[in-house]
PDB file of N, CA and C in Angstrom:
ATOM      1  N   MET A   1      -0.168 -24.648  28.096  1.00  0.00           N
ATOM      2  CA  MET A   1       1.135 -24.780  28.736  1.00  0.00           C
ATOM      3  C   MET A   1       2.238 -24.991  27.701  1.00  0.00           C
ATOM      4  N   LYS A   2       1.939 -25.799  26.681  1.00  0.00           N
ATOM      5  CA  LYS A   2       2.939 -26.045  25.639  1.00  0.00           C
ATOM      6  C   LYS A   2       3.271 -24.761  24.889  1.00  0.00           C
ATOM      7  N   LYS A   3       2.259 -23.900  24.682  1.00  0.00           N
ATOM      8  CA  LYS A   3       2.491 -22.646  23.969  1.00  0.00           C
ATOM      9  C   LYS A   3       3.396 -21.722  24.777  1.00  0.00           C
ATOM     10  N   VAL A   4       3.205 -21.700  26.082  1.00  0.00           N
ATOM     11  CA  VAL A   4       4.038 -20.858  26.940  1.00  0.00           C
ATOM     12  C   VAL A   4       5.477 -21.353  26.922  1.00  0.00           C
ATOM     13  N   THR A   5       5.665 -22.647  27.016  1.00  0.00           N
ATOM     14  CA  THR A   5       7.004 -23.230  26.994  1.00  0.00           C
ATOM     15  C   THR A   5       7.687 -22.941  25.668  1.00  0.00           C
ATOM     16  N   LEU A   6       6.963 -23.106  24.580  1.00  0.00           N
ATOM     17  CA  LEU A   6       7.521 -22.839  23.258  1.00  0.00           C
ATOM     18  C   LEU A   6       7.894 -21.362  23.124  1.00  0.00           C
ATOM     19  N   ALA A   7       7.041 -20.477  23.608  1.00  0.00           N
ATOM     20  CA  ALA A   7       7.322 -19.044  23.534  1.00  0.00           C
ATOM     21  C   ALA A   7       8.580 -18.695  24.321  1.00  0.00           C
ATOM     22  N   LEU A   8       8.740 -19.276  25.495  1.00  0.00           N
ATOM     23  CA  LEU A   8       9.934 -19.026  26.303  1.00  0.00           C
ATOM     24  C   LEU A   8      11.189 -19.554  25.621  1.00  0.00           C
ATOM     25  N   MET A   9      11.081 -20.714  25.005  1.00  0.00           N
ATOM     26  CA  MET A   9      12.224 -21.284  24.292  1.00  0.00           C
ATOM     27  C   MET A   9      12.619 -20.401  23.116  1.00  0.00           C
ATOM     28  N   LEU A  10      11.641 -19.916  22.369  1.00  0.00           N
ATOM     29  CA  LEU A  10      11.930 -19.049  21.231  1.00  0.00           C
ATOM     30  C   LEU A  10      12.538 -17.725  21.683  1.00  0.00           C
ATOM     31  N   ALA A  11      12.036 -17.178  22.768  1.00  0.00           N
ATOM     32  CA  ALA A  11      12.582 -15.930  23.299  1.00  0.00           C
ATOM     33  C   ALA A  11      14.035 -16.123  23.727  1.00  0.00           C
ATOM     34  N   GLY A  12      14.313 -17.251  24.352  1.00  0.00           N
ATOM     35  CA  GLY A  12      15.690 -17.545  24.762  1.00  0.00           C
ATOM     36  C   GLY A  12      16.611 -17.694  23.573  1.00  0.00           C
ATOM     37  N   ALA A  13      16.150 -18.372  22.535  1.00  0.00           N
ATOM     38  CA  ALA A  13      16.952 -18.548  21.325  1.00  0.00           C
ATOM     39  C   ALA A  13      17.201 -17.203  20.651  1.00  0.00           C
ATOM     40  N   ALA A  14      16.186 -16.352  20.615  1.00  0.00           N
ATOM     41  CA  ALA A  14      16.340 -15.027  20.001  1.00  0.00           C
ATOM     42  C   ALA A  14      17.363 -14.195  20.752  1.00  0.00           C
ATOM     43  N   SER A  15      17.372 -14.259  22.067  1.00  0.00           N
ATOM     44  CA  SER A  15      18.340 -13.476  22.830  1.00  0.00           C
ATOM     45  C   SER A  15      19.753 -13.979  22.605  1.00  0.00           C
ATOM     46  N   LEU A  16      19.932 -15.275  22.389  1.00  0.00           N
ATOM     47  CA  LEU A  16      21.254 -15.811  22.091  1.00  0.00           C
ATOM     48  C   LEU A  16      21.748 -15.318  20.739  1.00  0.00           C
ATOM     49  N   VAL A  17      20.851 -15.266  19.774  1.00  0.00           N
ATOM     50  CA  VAL A  17      21.222 -14.806  18.444  1.00  0.00           C
ATOM     51  C   VAL A  17      21.606 -13.329  18.489  1.00  0.00           C
ATOM     52  N   MET A  18      20.920 -12.561  19.326  1.00  0.00           N
ATOM     53  CA  MET A  18      21.158 -11.132  19.399  1.00  0.00           C
ATOM     54  C   MET A  18      22.291 -10.766  20.360  1.00  0.00           C
ATOM     55  N   ALA A  19      22.826 -11.734  21.076  1.00  0.00           N
ATOM     56  CA  ALA A  19      23.903 -11.454  22.024  1.00  0.00           C
ATOM     57  C   ALA A  19      25.117 -10.905  21.282  1.00  0.00           C
ATOM     58  N   ALA A  20      25.794  -9.961  21.910  1.00  0.00           N
ATOM     59  CA  ALA A  20      26.963  -9.344  21.304  1.00  0.00           C
ATOM     60  C   ALA A  20      28.081 -10.374  21.141  1.00  0.00           C
ATOM     61  N   ASP A  21      28.779 -10.290  20.029  1.00  0.00           N
ATOM     62  CA  ASP A  21      29.868 -11.199  19.711  1.00  0.00           C
ATOM     63  C   ASP A  21      31.180 -10.421  19.767  1.00  0.00           C
ATOM     64  N   GLY A  22      31.909 -10.598  20.858  1.00  0.00           N
ATOM     65  CA  GLY A  22      33.148  -9.864  21.058  1.00  0.00           C
ATOM     66  C   GLY A  22      34.162 -10.069  19.954  1.00  0.00           C
ATOM     67  N   ALA A  23      34.277 -11.298  19.446  1.00  0.00           N
ATOM     68  CA  ALA A  23      35.240 -11.577  18.379  1.00  0.00           C
ATOM     69  C   ALA A  23      34.882 -10.810  17.112  1.00  0.00           C
ATOM     70  N   ALA A  24      33.601 -10.777  16.779  1.00  0.00           N
ATOM     71  CA  ALA A  24      33.164 -10.045  15.587  1.00  0.00           C
ATOM     72  C   ALA A  24      33.386  -8.544  15.772  1.00  0.00           C
ATOM     73  N   LEU A  25      33.080  -8.043  16.947  1.00  0.00           N
ATOM     74  CA  LEU A  25      33.274  -6.621  17.228  1.00  0.00           C
ATOM     75  C   LEU A  25      34.750  -6.238  17.174  1.00  0.00           C
ATOM     76  N   PHE A  26      35.622  -7.134  17.608  1.00  0.00           N
ATOM     77  CA  PHE A  26      37.058  -6.828  17.671  1.00  0.00           C
ATOM     78  C   PHE A  26      37.689  -6.708  16.291  1.00  0.00           C
ATOM     79  N   LYS A  27      37.075  -7.283  15.281  1.00  0.00           N
ATOM     80  CA  LYS A  27      37.644  -7.197  13.930  1.00  0.00           C
ATOM     81  C   LYS A  27      37.889  -5.747  13.528  1.00  0.00           C
ATOM     82  N   LYS A  28      37.014  -4.855  13.963  1.00  0.00           N
ATOM     83  CA  LYS A  28      37.155  -3.428  13.671  1.00  0.00           C
ATOM     84  C   LYS A  28      38.369  -2.837  14.400  1.00  0.00           C
ATOM     85  N   CYS A  29      38.723  -3.404  15.532  1.00  0.00           N
ATOM     86  CA  CYS A  29      39.821  -2.907  16.366  1.00  0.00           C
ATOM     87  C   CYS A  29      41.187  -3.436  15.921  1.00  0.00           C
ATOM     88  N   ALA A  30      41.170  -4.626  15.338  1.00  0.00           N
ATOM     89  CA  ALA A  30      42.416  -5.336  15.050  1.00  0.00           C
ATOM     90  C   ALA A  30      43.336  -4.593  14.085  1.00  0.00           C
ATOM     91  N   GLY A  31      42.785  -3.784  13.211  1.00  0.00           N
ATOM     92  CA  GLY A  31      43.621  -3.053  12.263  1.00  0.00           C
ATOM     93  C   GLY A  31      44.664  -2.193  12.949  1.00  0.00           C
ATOM     94  N   CYS A  32      44.301  -1.583  14.051  1.00  0.00           N
ATOM     95  CA  CYS A  32      45.238  -0.733  14.800  1.00  0.00           C
ATOM     96  C   CYS A  32      45.859  -1.450  15.998  1.00  0.00           C
ATOM     97  N   HIS A  33      45.071  -2.277  16.683  1.00  0.00           N
ATOM     98  CA  HIS A  33      45.533  -2.903  17.924  1.00  0.00           C
ATOM     99  C   HIS A  33      46.173  -4.276  17.728  1.00  0.00           C
ATOM    100  N   GLY A  34      46.103  -4.826  16.505  1.00  0.00           N
ATOM    101  CA  GLY A  34      46.663  -6.139  16.232  1.00  0.00           C
ATOM    102  C   GLY A  34      45.661  -7.239  16.495  1.00  0.00           C
ATOM    103  N   ALA A  35      45.861  -8.382  15.855  1.00  0.00           N
ATOM    104  CA  ALA A  35      44.933  -9.507  15.938  1.00  0.00           C
ATOM    105  C   ALA A  35      44.754 -10.028  17.360  1.00  0.00           C
ATOM    106  N   LYS A  36      45.746  -9.861  18.189  1.00  0.00           N
ATOM    107  CA  LYS A  36      45.688 -10.307  19.581  1.00  0.00           C
ATOM    108  C   LYS A  36      45.743  -9.135  20.555  1.00  0.00           C
ATOM    109  N   GLY A  37      45.513  -7.926  20.056  1.00  0.00           N
ATOM    110  CA  GLY A  37      45.596  -6.745  20.911  1.00  0.00           C
ATOM    111  C   GLY A  37      47.008  -6.474  21.377  1.00  0.00           C
ATOM    112  N   GLU A  38      47.987  -6.961  20.596  1.00  0.00           N
ATOM    113  CA  GLU A  38      49.388  -6.920  21.011  1.00  0.00           C
ATOM    114  C   GLU A  38      50.128  -5.658  20.573  1.00  0.00           C
ATOM    115  N   LYS A  39      49.493  -4.812  19.779  1.00  0.00           N
ATOM    116  CA  LYS A  39      50.171  -3.628  19.256  1.00  0.00           C
ATOM    117  C   LYS A  39      49.742  -2.359  19.989  1.00  0.00           C
ATOM    118  N   LYS A  40      50.641  -1.409  20.021  1.00  0.00           N
ATOM    119  CA  LYS A  40      50.297  -0.071  20.469  1.00  0.00           C
ATOM    120  C   LYS A  40      49.664   0.598  19.251  1.00  0.00           C
ATOM    121  N   ALA A  41      48.377   0.901  19.314  1.00  0.00           N
ATOM    122  CA  ALA A  41      47.682   1.485  18.169  1.00  0.00           C
ATOM    123  C   ALA A  41      48.370   2.769  17.730  1.00  0.00           C
ATOM    124  N   LEU A  42      48.713   2.809  16.448  1.00  0.00           N
ATOM    125  CA  LEU A  42      49.418   3.950  15.859  1.00  0.00           C
ATOM    126  C   LEU A  42      50.671   4.307  16.644  1.00  0.00           C
ATOM    127  N   GLY A  43      51.246   3.316  17.309  1.00  0.00           N
ATOM    128  CA  GLY A  43      52.458   3.508  18.097  1.00  0.00           C
ATOM    129  C   GLY A  43      52.258   4.331  19.355  1.00  0.00           C
ATOM    130  N   LYS A  44      51.002   4.560  19.748  1.00  0.00           N
ATOM    131  CA  LYS A  44      50.721   5.457  20.869  1.00  0.00           C
ATOM    132  C   LYS A  44      50.050   4.790  22.057  1.00  0.00           C
ATOM    133  N   SER A  45      49.094   3.921  21.817  1.00  0.00           N
ATOM    134  CA  SER A  45      48.252   3.411  22.909  1.00  0.00           C
ATOM    135  C   SER A  45      48.952   2.341  23.732  1.00  0.00           C
ATOM    136  N   ALA A  46      48.297   1.968  24.801  1.00  0.00           N
ATOM    137  CA  ALA A  46      48.747   0.816  25.581  1.00  0.00           C
ATOM    138  C   ALA A  46      48.415  -0.455  24.795  1.00  0.00           C
ATOM    139  N   VAL A  47      49.114  -1.521  25.078  1.00  0.00           N
ATOM    140  CA  VAL A  47      48.761  -2.835  24.532  1.00  0.00           C
ATOM    141  C   VAL A  47      47.516  -3.276  25.286  1.00  0.00           C
ATOM    142  N   ILE A  48      46.430  -3.594  24.553  1.00  0.00           N
ATOM    143  CA  ILE A  48      45.162  -3.871  25.218  1.00  0.00           C
ATOM    144  C   ILE A  48      44.891  -5.350  25.445  1.00  0.00           C
ATOM    145  N   GLY A  49      45.539  -6.232  24.718  1.00  0.00           N
ATOM    146  CA  GLY A  49      45.307  -7.672  24.867  1.00  0.00           C
ATOM    147  C   GLY A  49      45.554  -8.109  26.302  1.00  0.00           C
ATOM    148  N   GLY A  50      44.559  -8.752  26.915  1.00  0.00           N
ATOM    149  CA  GLY A  50      44.685  -9.251  28.269  1.00  0.00           C
ATOM    150  C   GLY A  50      44.355  -8.239  29.357  1.00  0.00           C
ATOM    151  N   MET A  51      44.020  -7.008  28.978  1.00  0.00           N
ATOM    152  CA  MET A  51      43.690  -5.991  29.986  1.00  0.00           C
ATOM    153  C   MET A  51      42.486  -6.422  30.821  1.00  0.00           C
ATOM    154  N   ASP A  52      42.379  -5.855  31.990  1.00  0.00           N
ATOM    155  CA  ASP A  52      41.281  -6.095  32.913  1.00  0.00           C
ATOM    156  C   ASP A  52      39.949  -5.670  32.283  1.00  0.00           C
ATOM    157  N   VAL A  53      38.917  -6.505  32.422  1.00  0.00           N
ATOM    158  CA  VAL A  53      37.607  -6.236  31.830  1.00  0.00           C
ATOM    159  C   VAL A  53      37.037  -4.907  32.327  1.00  0.00           C
ATOM    160  N   ALA A  54      37.069  -4.674  33.616  1.00  0.00           N
ATOM    161  CA  ALA A  54      36.496  -3.439  34.169  1.00  0.00           C
ATOM    162  C   ALA A  54      37.198  -2.199  33.617  1.00  0.00           C
ATOM    163  N   THR A  55      38.501  -2.264  33.476  1.00  0.00           N
ATOM    164  CA  THR A  55      39.260  -1.141  32.916  1.00  0.00           C
ATOM    165  C   THR A  55      38.867  -0.904  31.468  1.00  0.00           C
ATOM    166  N   LEU A  56      38.770  -1.981  30.704  1.00  0.00           N
ATOM    167  CA  LEU A  56      38.381  -1.860  29.300  1.00  0.00           C
ATOM    168  C   LEU A  56      36.985  -1.264  29.156  1.00  0.00           C
ATOM    169  N   VAL A  57      36.038  -1.780  29.939  1.00  0.00           N
ATOM    170  CA  VAL A  57      34.667  -1.261  29.883  1.00  0.00           C
ATOM    171  C   VAL A  57      34.671   0.229  30.205  1.00  0.00           C
ATOM    172  N   ASN A  58      35.336   0.610  31.269  1.00  0.00           N
ATOM    173  CA  ASN A  58      35.399   2.013  31.669  1.00  0.00           C
ATOM    174  C   ASN A  58      36.028   2.873  30.569  1.00  0.00           C
ATOM    175  N   ASP A  59      37.162   2.441  30.053  1.00  0.00           N
ATOM    176  CA  ASP A  59      37.859   3.227  29.030  1.00  0.00           C
ATOM    177  C   ASP A  59      37.004   3.383  27.775  1.00  0.00           C
ATOM    178  N   ILE A  60      36.382   2.303  27.322  1.00  0.00           N
ATOM    179  CA  ILE A  60      35.558   2.375  26.110  1.00  0.00           C
ATOM    180  C   ILE A  60      34.362   3.299  26.330  1.00  0.00           C
ATOM    181  N   LYS A  61      33.734   3.191  27.489  1.00  0.00           N
ATOM    182  CA  LYS A  61      32.590   4.074  27.783  1.00  0.00           C
ATOM    183  C   LYS A  61      33.026   5.531  27.855  1.00  0.00           C
ATOM    184  N   GLU A  62      34.199   5.785  28.404  1.00  0.00           N
ATOM    185  CA  GLU A  62      34.697   7.162  28.468  1.00  0.00           C
ATOM    186  C   GLU A  62      35.033   7.699  27.077  1.00  0.00           C
ATOM    187  N   TYR A  63      35.613   6.858  26.221  1.00  0.00           N
ATOM    188  CA  TYR A  63      35.846   7.283  24.832  1.00  0.00           C
ATOM    189  C   TYR A  63      34.512   7.595  24.159  1.00  0.00           C
ATOM    190  N   LYS A  64      33.532   6.727  24.338  1.00  0.00           N
ATOM    191  CA  LYS A  64      32.212   6.910  23.720  1.00  0.00           C
ATOM    192  C   LYS A  64      31.580   8.222  24.173  1.00  0.00           C
ATOM    193  N   ALA A  65      31.720   8.565  25.434  1.00  0.00           N
ATOM    194  CA  ALA A  65      31.139   9.791  25.984  1.00  0.00           C
ATOM    195  C   ALA A  65      31.978  11.036  25.670  1.00  0.00           C
ATOM    196  N   GLY A  66      33.148  10.846  25.054  1.00  0.00           N
ATOM    197  CA  GLY A  66      34.013  11.977  24.745  1.00  0.00           C
ATOM    198  C   GLY A  66      34.775  12.493  25.950  1.00  0.00           C
ATOM    199  N   LYS A  67      34.887  11.681  26.995  1.00  0.00           N
ATOM    200  CA  LYS A  67      35.556  12.093  28.232  1.00  0.00           C
ATOM    201  C   LYS A  67      36.997  11.612  28.327  1.00  0.00           C
ATOM    202  N   ARG A  68      37.431  10.810  27.375  1.00  0.00           N
ATOM    203  CA  ARG A  68      38.782  10.240  27.432  1.00  0.00           C
ATOM    204  C   ARG A  68      39.542  10.662  26.180  1.00  0.00           C
ATOM    205  N   ASN A  69      40.801  11.049  26.383  1.00  0.00           N
ATOM    206  CA  ASN A  69      41.647  11.451  25.261  1.00  0.00           C
ATOM    207  C   ASN A  69      43.061  10.933  25.465  1.00  0.00           C
ATOM    208  N   ALA A  70      43.187   9.671  25.852  1.00  0.00           N
ATOM    209  CA  ALA A  70      44.500   9.083  26.103  1.00  0.00           C
ATOM    210  C   ALA A  70      45.340   9.102  24.832  1.00  0.00           C
ATOM    211  N   HIS A  71      46.546   9.595  24.952  1.00  0.00           N
ATOM    212  CA  HIS A  71      47.507   9.637  23.846  1.00  0.00           C
ATOM    213  C   HIS A  71      46.979  10.444  22.664  1.00  0.00           C
ATOM    214  N   GLY A  72      46.064  11.368  22.912  1.00  0.00           N
ATOM    215  CA  GLY A  72      45.502  12.196  21.857  1.00  0.00           C
ATOM    216  C   GLY A  72      44.581  11.450  20.902  1.00  0.00           C
ATOM    217  N   MET A  73      44.092  10.287  21.333  1.00  0.00           N
ATOM    218  CA  MET A  73      43.288   9.442  20.457  1.00  0.00           C
ATOM    219  C   MET A  73      41.782   9.540  20.743  1.00  0.00           C
ATOM    220  N   GLY A  74      41.365  10.508  21.541  1.00  0.00           N
ATOM    221  CA  GLY A  74      39.981  10.604  21.961  1.00  0.00           C
ATOM    222  C   GLY A  74      38.975  10.682  20.838  1.00  0.00           C
ATOM    223  N   MET A  75      39.179  11.586  19.899  1.00  0.00           N
ATOM    224  CA  MET A  75      38.213  11.764  18.812  1.00  0.00           C
ATOM    225  C   MET A  75      38.160  10.540  17.905  1.00  0.00           C
ATOM    226  N   MET A  76      39.322   9.979  17.603  1.00  0.00           N
ATOM    227  CA  MET A  76      39.343   8.802  16.746  1.00  0.00           C
ATOM    228  C   MET A  76      38.632   7.636  17.432  1.00  0.00           C
ATOM    229  N   MET A  77      38.950   7.419  18.702  1.00  0.00           N
ATOM    230  CA  MET A  77      38.321   6.313  19.424  1.00  0.00           C
ATOM    231  C   MET A  77      36.831   6.546  19.616  1.00  0.00           C
ATOM    232  N   LYS A  78      36.437   7.776  19.853  1.00  0.00           N
ATOM    233  CA  LYS A  78      35.009   8.067  20.008  1.00  0.00           C
ATOM    234  C   LYS A  78      34.252   7.658  18.753  1.00  0.00           C
ATOM    235  N   SER A  79      34.794   7.980  17.600  1.00  0.00           N
ATOM    236  CA  SER A  79      34.113   7.598  16.356  1.00  0.00           C
ATOM    237  C   SER A  79      34.095   6.086  16.160  1.00  0.00           C
ATOM    238  N   GLN A  80      35.095   5.399  16.676  1.00  0.00           N
ATOM    239  CA  GLN A  80      35.157   3.946  16.529  1.00  0.00           C
ATOM    240  C   GLN A  80      34.166   3.218  17.435  1.00  0.00           C
ATOM    241  N   VAL A  81      33.887   3.759  18.605  1.00  0.00           N
ATOM    242  CA  VAL A  81      33.049   3.067  19.589  1.00  0.00           C
ATOM    243  C   VAL A  81      31.642   3.651  19.722  1.00  0.00           C
ATOM    244  N   GLN A  82      31.357   4.714  19.002  1.00  0.00           N
ATOM    245  CA  GLN A  82      30.095   5.430  19.149  1.00  0.00           C
ATOM    246  C   GLN A  82      28.868   4.536  18.995  1.00  0.00           C
ATOM    247  N   SER A  83      28.909   3.571  18.103  1.00  0.00           N
ATOM    248  CA  SER A  83      27.728   2.737  17.832  1.00  0.00           C
ATOM    249  C   SER A  83      27.586   1.544  18.781  1.00  0.00           C
ATOM    250  N   LEU A  84      28.532   1.346  19.689  1.00  0.00           N
ATOM    251  CA  LEU A  84      28.495   0.190  20.576  1.00  0.00           C
ATOM    252  C   LEU A  84      27.477   0.369  21.697  1.00  0.00           C
ATOM    253  N   SER A  85      26.687  -0.657  21.927  1.00  0.00           N
ATOM    254  CA  SER A  85      25.767  -0.672  23.065  1.00  0.00           C
ATOM    255  C   SER A  85      26.553  -1.098  24.305  1.00  0.00           C
ATOM    256  N   ASP A  86      25.917  -0.991  25.468  1.00  0.00           N
ATOM    257  CA  ASP A  86      26.571  -1.466  26.689  1.00  0.00           C
ATOM    258  C   ASP A  86      26.887  -2.956  26.602  1.00  0.00           C
ATOM    259  N   ALA A  87      25.977  -3.732  26.003  1.00  0.00           N
ATOM    260  CA  ALA A  87      26.211  -5.178  25.841  1.00  0.00           C
ATOM    261  C   ALA A  87      27.383  -5.426  24.898  1.00  0.00           C
ATOM    262  N   ASP A  88      27.488  -4.626  23.839  1.00  0.00           N
ATOM    263  CA  ASP A  88      28.619  -4.743  22.911  1.00  0.00           C
ATOM    264  C   ASP A  88      29.926  -4.441  23.632  1.00  0.00           C
ATOM    265  N   ILE A  89      29.924  -3.381  24.424  1.00  0.00           N
ATOM    266  CA  ILE A  89      31.134  -2.978  25.150  1.00  0.00           C
ATOM    267  C   ILE A  89      31.565  -4.081  26.111  1.00  0.00           C
ATOM    268  N   GLN A  90      30.622  -4.658  26.811  1.00  0.00           N
ATOM    269  CA  GLN A  90      30.941  -5.742  27.747  1.00  0.00           C
ATOM    270  C   GLN A  90      31.520  -6.947  27.006  1.00  0.00           C
ATOM    271  N   ALA A  91      30.870  -7.334  25.909  1.00  0.00           N
ATOM    272  CA  ALA A  91      31.346  -8.494  25.129  1.00  0.00           C
ATOM    273  C   ALA A  91      32.725  -8.219  24.551  1.00  0.00           C
ATOM    274  N   LEU A  92      32.930  -7.021  24.058  1.00  0.00           N
ATOM    275  CA  LEU A  92      34.231  -6.649  23.492  1.00  0.00           C
ATOM    276  C   LEU A  92      35.312  -6.675  24.567  1.00  0.00           C
ATOM    277  N   ALA A  93      35.011  -6.108  25.722  1.00  0.00           N
ATOM    278  CA  ALA A  93      35.983  -6.091  26.830  1.00  0.00           C
ATOM    279  C   ALA A  93      36.348  -7.508  27.275  1.00  0.00           C
ATOM    280  N   GLU A  94      35.357  -8.367  27.367  1.00  0.00           N
ATOM    281  CA  GLU A  94      35.624  -9.758  27.763  1.00  0.00           C
ATOM    282  C   GLU A  94      36.475 -10.471  26.723  1.00  0.00           C
ATOM    283  N   TYR A  95      36.202 -10.201  25.459  1.00  0.00           N
ATOM    284  CA  TYR A  95      37.011 -10.819  24.389  1.00  0.00           C
ATOM    285  C   TYR A  95      38.445 -10.332  24.453  1.00  0.00           C
ATOM    286  N   ILE A  96      38.640  -9.018  24.572  1.00  0.00           N
ATOM    287  CA  ILE A  96      39.983  -8.448  24.621  1.00  0.00           C
ATOM    288  C   ILE A  96      40.742  -8.969  25.837  1.00  0.00           C
ATOM    289  N   HIS A  97      40.045  -9.093  26.959  1.00  0.00           N
ATOM    290  CA  HIS A  97      40.685  -9.628  28.170  1.00  0.00           C
ATOM    291  C   HIS A  97      41.247 -11.032  27.916  1.00  0.00           C
ATOM    292  N   GLY A  98      40.548 -11.812  27.121  1.00  0.00           N
ATOM    293  CA  GLY A  98      40.977 -13.180  26.830  1.00  0.00           C
ATOM    294  C   GLY A  98      42.108 -13.292  25.835  1.00  0.00           C
ATOM    295  N   LEU A  99      42.481 -12.197  25.189  1.00  0.00           N
ATOM    296  CA  LEU A  99      43.579 -12.212  24.222  1.00  0.00           C
ATOM    297  C   LEU A  99      44.913 -12.166  24.964  1.00  0.00           C
ATOM    298  N   LYS A 100      45.807 -13.041  24.583  1.00  0.00           N
ATOM    299  CA  LYS A 100      47.116 -13.047  25.232  1.00  0.00           C
ATOM    300  C   LYS A 100      48.181 -13.405  24.243  1.00  0.00           C
TER     301      LYS A 100
END
């Protein structure tokens, strides 16, 4: 019984370590969108800080799939988000939503 409990505790700790970190992921975005998501990227995009989580998730997934080209930024954004997992996208969207 102790071995099972220990295994479950270790598995839980491992999942916490592997959980996506929205703040760390956003560092890649801040160069264009600003530290608080307050800038229009390259003077073209919407201000993303504080945006709705569902909208952000949808937009990022559409950029990743090559289905979105808002303000002519589709290819650039696709290359920026291509490596993000669904968990990364969710964590990033939640972080951006919290920026104000």
